Amino acid sequence: MPHAPTGYHAHIYFIDEVQKARALALRDAIAQRFPSANLGRVHDAPVAFHPAAMYQVKFPPEHLTAVLPWLHAHHERLSVLVHPIIGDVVAAHTTEAI
């Protein structure tokens, strides 16, 4: 990894209206469970490296051990990409992604 993460992004993807509804409900649950998380706007189309509509959640490194297992248990069968914020966007979204 290029350097220690300054934070993490979790990208929650959806491909249709049914998944979008689940993703938005998950977004509300994230906001309630992790009030310090920074919720990005909802993108209804693919953006940059992301192959599907999505939104991102930004959280500090010290929250990874709480956020990751919670997302695993509550992701509602949605695809989720978690990556460190390391200053190398390509590596963050590929080789360093969870």
Protein backbone atom coordinates (compact mmCIF):
# COMPACT_ATOMS: atom_id res chain seq x y z
CA MET A 1 0.00 0.00 0.00
CA PRO A 2 1.46 3.43 -0.91
CA HIS A 3 0.94 4.86 2.60
CA ALA A 4 -1.29 4.54 5.65
CA PRO A 5 -4.96 5.23 4.87
CA THR A 6 -6.39 8.58 5.90
CA GLY A 7 -9.85 7.06 5.75
CA TYR A 8 -11.99 4.57 3.86
CA HIS A 9 -14.76 4.68 1.30
CA ALA A 10 -17.51 2.11 1.07
CA HIS A 11 -19.30 2.18 -2.30
CA ILE A 12 -22.77 0.62 -2.27
CA TYR A 13 -23.97 -0.36 -5.74
CA PHE A 14 -27.45 -0.86 -7.19
CA ILE A 15 -28.64 -1.80 -10.68
CA ASP A 16 -32.41 -1.41 -10.60
CA GLU A 17 -35.18 0.26 -8.61
CA VAL A 18 -35.57 -2.69 -6.23
CA GLN A 19 -31.87 -2.60 -5.37
CA LYS A 20 -31.92 1.18 -5.18
CA ALA A 21 -34.68 1.03 -2.56
CA ARG A 22 -32.61 -1.46 -0.53
CA ALA A 23 -29.50 0.69 -0.99
CA LEU A 24 -31.29 3.81 0.24
CA ALA A 25 -32.67 1.94 3.26
CA LEU A 26 -29.13 0.75 3.98
CA ARG A 27 -27.92 4.35 3.61
CA ASP A 28 -30.40 5.44 6.29
CA ALA A 29 -29.27 2.59 8.55
CA ILE A 30 -25.62 3.56 8.08
CA ALA A 31 -26.41 7.17 8.98
CA GLN A 32 -28.18 6.03 12.14
CA ARG A 33 -25.55 3.47 13.19
CA PHE A 34 -22.48 5.56 12.24
CA PRO A 35 -23.39 9.24 12.67
CA SER A 36 -19.80 10.37 12.01
CA ALA A 37 -19.80 8.74 8.56
CA ASN A 38 -19.90 11.15 5.64
CA LEU A 39 -22.62 10.04 3.19
CA GLY A 40 -21.93 10.98 -0.41
CA ARG A 41 -24.62 11.78 -2.90
CA VAL A 42 -26.50 9.08 -4.76
CA HIS A 43 -25.35 8.56 -8.35
CA ASP A 44 -28.02 7.02 -10.59
CA ALA A 45 -25.45 6.09 -13.24
CA PRO A 46 -21.90 4.71 -13.22
CA VAL A 47 -19.21 7.21 -12.17
CA ALA A 48 -15.45 6.98 -12.84
CA PHE A 49 -14.19 3.50 -11.83
CA HIS A 50 -17.60 2.34 -10.71
CA PRO A 51 -19.53 0.01 -13.03
CA ALA A 52 -23.01 0.72 -11.63
CA ALA A 53 -25.08 3.37 -9.91
CA MET A 54 -23.96 3.86 -6.33
CA TYR A 55 -23.25 6.12 -3.39
CA GLN A 56 -20.21 6.26 -1.18
CA VAL A 57 -19.74 6.43 2.54
CA LYS A 58 -16.54 7.92 3.94
CA PHE A 59 -15.32 6.99 7.39
CA PRO A 60 -12.09 7.35 9.40
CA PRO A 61 -9.55 4.52 9.65
CA GLU A 62 -10.32 3.85 13.30
CA HIS A 63 -13.91 2.91 12.36
CA LEU A 64 -12.95 0.17 9.88
CA THR A 65 -13.19 -2.61 12.48
CA ALA A 66 -16.75 -1.55 13.31
CA VAL A 67 -18.01 -0.61 9.84
CA LEU A 68 -16.71 -3.60 7.88
CA PRO A 69 -18.40 -6.38 9.88
CA TRP A 70 -21.58 -4.31 10.19
CA LEU A 71 -21.71 -3.82 6.40
CA HIS A 72 -21.05 -7.52 5.89
CA ALA A 73 -24.01 -8.39 8.11
CA HIS A 74 -26.38 -5.74 6.70
CA HIS A 75 -25.50 -5.24 3.02
CA GLU A 76 -28.90 -6.55 1.86
CA ARG A 77 -27.28 -8.66 -0.90
CA LEU A 78 -25.96 -5.48 -2.53
CA SER A 79 -22.43 -5.30 -3.91
CA VAL A 80 -20.13 -3.21 -1.75
CA LEU A 81 -16.57 -2.10 -2.48
CA VAL A 82 -14.52 -0.84 0.46
CA HIS A 83 -11.18 0.81 -0.22
CA PRO A 84 -8.61 2.86 1.66
CA ILE A 85 -8.00 6.52 0.90
CA ILE A 86 -4.28 6.35 0.16
CA GLY A 87 -3.56 9.00 -2.47
CA ASP A 88 -3.42 6.45 -5.32
CA VAL A 89 -6.93 6.24 -6.75
CA VAL A 90 -6.23 3.33 -9.09
CA ALA A 91 -4.56 1.16 -6.44
CA ALA A 92 -7.24 2.08 -3.89
CA HIS A 93 -10.01 0.83 -6.18
CA THR A 94 -8.16 -2.29 -7.37
CA THR A 95 -5.28 -3.96 -5.54
CA GLU A 96 -6.02 -2.36 -2.17
CA ALA A 97 -9.82 -2.74 -2.26
CA ILE A 98 -11.75 -5.07 0.01
